[in-house]
Amino acid sequence: MEDITVYITDRDGVRHEVLAPTDMAMNLMEVVRSYELAPEGTIGVCGGMAMCASCQCYVESNHDLLEKGDEEDAMLSEAFNVKDNSRLGCQIPITEQLNELEVVLAPES
């Protein structure tokens, strides 16, 4: 499988069904940026280094994601609008196992 389907609800509440490639080593934040689902400069500000939380999202589906790393935990502990299902999109690699992943972009802080 080369592409998976991901459902992303943007910050305006609009749900998008997008195709995400599994063969390009992309992460969720990069998928959001490539589909322009957030205004330029409002997501992935740090370039995907888990240093800004601008790509925070709420995982709504029951997929098994990789455990949060120390950097992601630390960044989420300082971020606004954090929920139990908060993750940083830059820390979610796109893999075949995430087919039909459902996320909601967190509001801008």
Protein backbone atom coordinates (compact mmCIF):
# COMPACT_ATOMS: atom_id res chain seq x y z
CA MET A 1 0.00 0.00 0.00
CA GLU A 2 1.39 3.41 -0.89
CA ASP A 3 -1.37 5.76 0.28
CA ILE A 4 -3.64 5.69 3.29
CA THR A 5 -6.78 7.68 4.01
CA VAL A 6 -6.63 10.17 6.86
CA TYR A 7 -9.56 12.24 8.14
CA ILE A 8 -8.45 15.67 9.34
CA THR A 9 -10.84 18.21 10.85
CA ASP A 10 -9.33 21.66 10.41
CA ARG A 11 -9.52 24.56 12.86
CA ASP A 12 -12.74 25.79 11.24
CA GLY A 13 -14.43 22.45 11.93
CA VAL A 14 -14.33 21.26 8.31
CA ARG A 15 -13.57 17.54 7.92
CA HIS A 16 -11.21 16.60 5.09
CA GLU A 17 -10.56 13.15 3.68
CA VAL A 18 -7.00 13.12 2.37
CA LEU A 19 -4.61 10.58 0.93
CA ALA A 20 -1.26 10.33 2.71
CA PRO A 21 1.70 8.49 1.17
CA THR A 22 3.33 5.80 3.28
CA ASP A 23 6.44 5.60 1.10
CA MET A 24 7.77 9.15 1.60
CA ALA A 25 8.68 9.16 5.34
CA MET A 26 6.15 11.93 5.99
CA ASN A 27 4.51 12.77 9.30
CA LEU A 28 1.01 14.03 9.98
CA MET A 29 2.11 17.68 10.27
CA GLU A 30 3.66 17.49 6.79
CA VAL A 31 0.44 16.03 5.39
CA VAL A 32 -1.58 18.90 6.89
CA ARG A 33 0.86 21.39 5.37
CA SER A 34 0.88 19.72 1.96
CA TYR A 35 -2.92 19.90 1.76
CA GLU A 36 -2.87 23.48 3.14
CA LEU A 37 -5.37 22.60 5.88
CA ALA A 38 -4.01 25.36 8.14
CA PRO A 39 -2.92 28.88 7.18
CA GLU A 40 0.74 29.26 6.23
CA GLY A 41 2.91 29.84 9.27
CA THR A 42 0.42 28.42 11.78
CA ILE A 43 1.42 24.77 11.77
CA GLY A 44 4.83 23.18 11.94
CA VAL A 45 6.47 26.47 12.90
CA CYS A 46 9.55 24.69 14.31
CA GLY A 47 9.87 22.48 11.25
CA GLY A 48 8.80 19.29 12.98
CA MET A 49 11.29 19.28 15.85
CA ALA A 50 8.66 18.94 18.66
CA MET A 51 9.58 22.43 19.87
CA CYS A 52 6.46 24.55 19.30
CA ALA A 53 3.20 22.54 19.58
CA SER A 54 1.73 24.40 16.58
CA CYS A 55 0.88 20.99 15.07
CA GLN A 56 -0.98 19.74 18.15
CA CYS A 57 -3.96 17.59 17.23
CA TYR A 58 -6.51 15.44 18.99
CA VAL A 59 -6.49 11.79 17.91
CA GLU A 60 -10.13 10.73 17.67
CA SER A 61 -9.70 7.17 16.38
CA ASN A 62 -8.41 4.13 18.27
CA HIS A 63 -5.16 3.62 16.39
CA ASP A 64 -2.05 2.34 18.13
CA LEU A 65 0.42 5.20 17.83
CA LEU A 66 4.06 5.19 18.80
CA GLU A 67 4.57 6.15 22.45
CA LYS A 68 5.20 9.83 23.15
CA GLY A 69 8.87 10.65 23.40
CA ASP A 70 10.33 12.88 26.10
CA GLU A 71 10.42 15.91 23.79
CA GLU A 72 6.77 15.52 22.82
CA ASP A 73 5.72 15.05 26.46
CA ALA A 74 7.65 18.15 27.49
CA MET A 75 6.19 20.28 24.71
CA LEU A 76 2.62 19.17 25.42
CA SER A 77 3.11 19.95 29.12
CA GLU A 78 3.69 23.59 28.12
CA ALA A 79 1.08 23.85 25.35
CA PHE A 80 -2.43 25.30 25.50
CA ASN A 81 -5.68 23.40 24.92
CA VAL A 82 -4.08 20.03 25.73
CA LYS A 83 -6.39 17.03 26.14
CA ASP A 84 -5.79 13.38 27.01
CA ASN A 85 -5.75 12.54 23.29
CA SER A 86 -3.37 15.37 22.30
CA ARG A 87 -0.38 14.53 20.14
CA LEU A 88 2.05 16.53 18.04
CA GLY A 89 1.44 15.84 14.37
CA CYS A 90 5.17 16.04 13.65
CA GLN A 91 5.66 13.01 15.90
CA ILE A 92 3.13 10.80 14.07
CA PRO A 93 4.83 9.08 11.11
CA ILE A 94 2.52 8.07 8.29
CA THR A 95 2.42 4.28 8.10
CA GLU A 96 0.03 1.70 6.67
CA GLN A 97 -1.21 0.96 10.20
CA LEU A 98 -2.71 4.46 10.39
CA ASN A 99 -5.19 3.95 7.56
CA GLU A 100 -8.41 5.82 8.42
CA LEU A 101 -6.76 7.79 11.23
CA GLU A 102 -9.06 10.55 12.49
CA VAL A 103 -7.64 13.75 13.98
CA VAL A 104 -8.83 17.24 14.84
CA LEU A 105 -6.37 20.13 14.67
CA ALA A 106 -6.08 21.89 18.02
CA PRO A 107 -6.94 25.62 18.08
CA GLU A 108 -4.12 28.09 17.61
CA SER A 109 -2.69 29.17 20.93
